[in-house]
Amino acid sequence: MDDSKKLDLILEKLSSMDDRLGSVENKFSAVENKFSAVENKVIESEQNIIQQVDKKIAESENLILKELDRLEIHLEKEVDQVQKNLDEIKQFYRINKLESDNTTLLLQMYNNLEEKIKELESKIA
């Protein structure tokens, strides 16, 4: 084979290799595009998940706050009832103390009258 044929053969093989290399580059480009599309979908999914998680957290916070408000109202009612009961007990205690004081005074008056009666009986007799 002479040199020109060898050179033509080499050029033909190089041309074929260039074509194959172009084809490979196109395939890599297609793969990169697909990879980029998948990456975009992953980013979009991540953002969607974050939004959903944020929404669920906000809903949970609202639910907890509502329950705390309900519990606060319930406990305030109970505290009010306990305060009312305590006031009634204090009032009963005051009344009872006054009655006791009155009873003591009446007994003292009775004893004084009894002594005066005995003195009068002894003076009369």
Protein backbone atom coordinates (compact mmCIF):
# COMPACT_ATOMS: atom_id res chain seq x y z
CA MET A 1 0.00 0.00 0.00
CA ASP A 2 1.40 3.28 -0.86
CA ASP A 3 1.57 6.26 1.41
CA SER A 4 -1.32 8.18 -0.11
CA LYS A 5 -3.68 5.25 0.38
CA LYS A 6 -2.45 4.88 3.92
CA LEU A 7 -2.98 8.55 4.46
CA ASP A 8 -6.49 8.35 2.97
CA LEU A 9 -7.27 5.38 5.17
CA ILE A 10 -6.02 7.23 8.24
CA LEU A 11 -8.04 10.29 7.28
CA GLU A 12 -11.09 8.15 6.71
CA LYS A 13 -10.67 6.53 10.13
CA LEU A 14 -10.12 9.94 11.74
CA SER A 15 -13.27 11.20 10.06
CA SER A 16 -15.12 8.15 11.30
CA MET A 17 -13.73 8.77 14.78
CA ASP A 18 -14.80 12.43 14.59
CA ASP A 19 -18.31 11.30 13.69
CA ARG A 20 -18.33 8.82 16.56
CA LEU A 21 -16.95 11.46 18.91
CA GLY A 22 -19.69 13.87 17.79
CA SER A 23 -22.26 11.17 18.38
CA VAL A 24 -20.84 10.50 21.86
CA GLU A 25 -20.85 14.24 22.59
CA ASN A 26 -24.51 14.42 21.53
CA LYS A 27 -25.31 11.49 23.80
CA PHE A 28 -23.47 13.15 26.69
CA SER A 29 -25.36 16.34 26.00
CA ALA A 30 -28.66 14.43 26.04
CA VAL A 31 -27.66 12.74 29.32
CA GLU A 32 -26.70 16.12 30.80
CA ASN A 33 -30.07 17.51 29.75
CA LYS A 34 -31.87 14.58 31.35
CA PHE A 35 -29.74 14.93 34.47
CA SER A 36 -30.54 18.64 34.59
CA ALA A 37 -34.27 17.88 34.19
CA VAL A 38 -34.11 15.30 37.00
CA GLU A 39 -32.19 17.78 39.18
CA ASN A 40 -34.86 20.43 38.54
CA LYS A 41 -37.59 17.96 39.45
CA VAL A 42 -35.74 17.05 42.66
CA ILE A 43 -35.39 20.74 43.57
CA GLU A 44 -39.07 21.29 42.79
CA SER A 45 -40.02 18.27 44.92
CA GLU A 46 -37.84 19.49 47.78
CA GLN A 47 -39.52 22.90 47.66
CA ASN A 48 -42.94 21.27 47.57
CA ILE A 49 -42.07 19.06 50.56
CA ILE A 50 -40.74 22.07 52.48
CA GLN A 51 -43.95 23.99 51.77
CA GLN A 52 -46.08 21.06 52.89
CA VAL A 53 -44.01 20.60 56.06
CA ASP A 54 -44.26 24.34 56.80
CA LYS A 55 -48.02 24.18 56.26
CA LYS A 56 -48.38 21.17 58.58
CA ILE A 57 -46.23 22.87 61.22
CA ALA A 58 -48.38 26.00 61.02
CA GLU A 59 -51.55 23.90 61.32
CA SER A 60 -50.09 22.05 64.31
CA GLU A 61 -49.09 25.33 65.97
CA ASN A 62 -52.60 26.69 65.47
CA LEU A 63 -54.13 23.51 66.86
CA ILE A 64 -51.87 23.67 69.92
CA LEU A 65 -52.65 27.35 70.47
CA LYS A 66 -56.40 26.71 70.21
CA GLU A 67 -56.12 23.86 72.71
CA LEU A 68 -54.09 26.06 75.07
CA ASP A 69 -56.75 28.78 74.82
CA ARG A 70 -59.49 26.25 75.55
CA LEU A 71 -57.54 24.88 78.51
CA GLU A 72 -56.87 28.39 79.83
CA ILE A 73 -60.58 29.23 79.70
CA HIS A 74 -61.45 25.97 81.44
CA LEU A 75 -58.84 26.52 84.17
CA GLU A 76 -59.93 30.12 84.68
CA LYS A 77 -63.50 28.90 85.24
CA GLU A 78 -62.26 26.37 87.78
CA VAL A 79 -60.15 28.99 89.56
CA ASP A 80 -63.16 31.30 89.66
CA GLN A 81 -65.27 28.50 91.16
CA VAL A 82 -62.59 27.76 93.77
CA GLN A 83 -62.37 31.48 94.62
CA LYS A 84 -66.16 31.62 94.98
CA ASN A 85 -66.10 28.59 97.28
CA LEU A 86 -63.30 30.13 99.32
CA ASP A 87 -65.26 33.37 99.68
CA GLU A 88 -68.29 31.39 100.88
CA ILE A 89 -66.14 29.54 103.42
CA LYS A 90 -64.69 32.83 104.69
CA GLN A 91 -68.19 34.28 105.00
CA PHE A 92 -69.36 31.17 106.86
CA TYR A 93 -66.34 31.41 109.17
CA ARG A 94 -67.10 35.09 109.95
CA ILE A 95 -70.76 34.30 110.64
CA ASN A 96 -69.79 31.34 112.81
CA LYS A 97 -67.30 33.49 114.75
CA LEU A 98 -69.92 36.20 115.30
CA GLU A 99 -72.43 33.60 116.50
CA SER A 100 -69.82 32.15 118.83
CA ASP A 101 -68.99 35.61 120.20
CA ASN A 102 -72.71 36.34 120.64
CA THR A 103 -73.23 33.02 122.43
CA THR A 104 -70.30 33.77 124.73
CA LEU A 105 -71.72 37.23 125.51
CA LEU A 106 -75.18 35.76 126.17
CA LEU A 107 -73.71 33.15 128.52
CA GLN A 108 -71.73 35.87 130.29
CA MET A 109 -74.87 38.00 130.61
CA TYR A 110 -76.79 34.95 131.88
CA ASN A 111 -74.09 34.24 134.47
CA ASN A 112 -74.08 37.90 135.55
CA LEU A 113 -77.88 37.87 135.91
CA GLU A 114 -77.70 34.64 137.87
CA GLU A 115 -75.16 36.19 140.27
CA LYS A 116 -77.33 39.30 140.65
CA ILE A 117 -80.37 37.10 141.32
CA LYS A 118 -78.42 35.18 143.99
CA GLU A 119 -77.28 38.46 145.56
CA LEU A 120 -80.85 39.75 145.55
CA GLU A 121 -82.13 36.45 147.02
CA SER A 122 -79.51 36.58 149.75
CA LYS A 123 -80.38 40.18 150.56
CA ILE A 124 -84.10 39.35 150.64
CA ALA A 125 -83.69 36.26 152.74
